[in-house]
Amino acid sequence: MTTSTATIGTLGSAELEQDLGQLAALLHACVHAGASIGFIVPLTLEDAEKF
């Protein structure tokens, strides 16, 4: 059995700018997979980045 770990932390402005596309893609994928997180389909990647 393989286990994985996750780390939760805060991002500074440089890290946020660097990771914004990946974070928006994650939000987009969750919403389009049916996650109930306050957004509804259709959520565009552009809208996810704006959020």
Protein backbone atom coordinates (compact mmCIF):
# COMPACT_ATOMS: atom_id res chain seq x y z
CA MET A 1 0.00 0.00 0.00
CA THR A 2 1.30 3.43 -0.94
CA THR A 3 0.61 6.41 1.25
CA SER A 4 1.03 10.03 0.36
CA THR A 5 1.24 13.17 2.41
CA ALA A 6 0.14 16.72 1.83
CA THR A 7 1.42 19.93 3.29
CA ILE A 8 -0.78 22.95 3.82
CA GLY A 9 0.84 26.35 4.03
CA THR A 10 0.57 29.92 2.91
CA LEU A 11 1.87 31.36 -0.34
CA GLY A 12 3.68 34.62 -0.73
CA SER A 13 2.99 36.82 -3.73
CA ALA A 14 5.86 35.32 -5.75
CA GLU A 15 4.69 31.75 -5.08
CA LEU A 16 1.08 32.66 -5.82
CA GLU A 17 2.03 34.20 -9.15
CA GLN A 18 4.09 31.11 -10.00
CA ASP A 19 1.37 28.62 -9.00
CA LEU A 20 -1.78 30.52 -10.03
CA GLY A 21 -2.39 28.50 -13.20
CA GLN A 22 -2.13 25.19 -11.37
CA LEU A 23 -4.39 26.36 -8.54
CA ALA A 24 -6.99 27.62 -11.02
CA ALA A 25 -6.81 24.31 -12.91
CA LEU A 26 -7.38 22.43 -9.64
CA LEU A 27 -10.42 24.57 -8.79
CA HIS A 28 -11.75 24.14 -12.34
CA ALA A 29 -11.30 20.35 -12.24
CA CYS A 30 -13.00 20.03 -8.84
CA VAL A 31 -16.02 22.06 -9.94
CA HIS A 32 -16.38 20.15 -13.20
CA ALA A 33 -16.13 16.85 -11.30
CA GLY A 34 -19.13 17.86 -9.20
CA ALA A 35 -17.54 19.21 -6.03
CA SER A 36 -19.88 21.38 -4.02
CA ILE A 37 -17.54 24.24 -3.15
CA GLY A 38 -19.56 27.33 -3.98
CA PHE A 39 -19.03 27.36 -7.76
CA ILE A 40 -21.17 25.87 -10.50
CA VAL A 41 -20.55 24.65 -14.04
CA PRO A 42 -19.68 26.27 -16.36
CA LEU A 43 -16.66 27.67 -14.54
CA THR A 44 -13.97 28.78 -16.99
CA LEU A 45 -10.27 28.66 -16.19
CA GLU A 46 -10.26 32.45 -16.63
CA ASP A 47 -12.94 32.83 -13.96
CA ALA A 48 -11.08 30.44 -11.67
CA GLU A 49 -7.90 32.53 -12.02
CA LYS A 50 -9.83 35.73 -11.31
CA PHE A 51 -11.16 34.23 -8.10
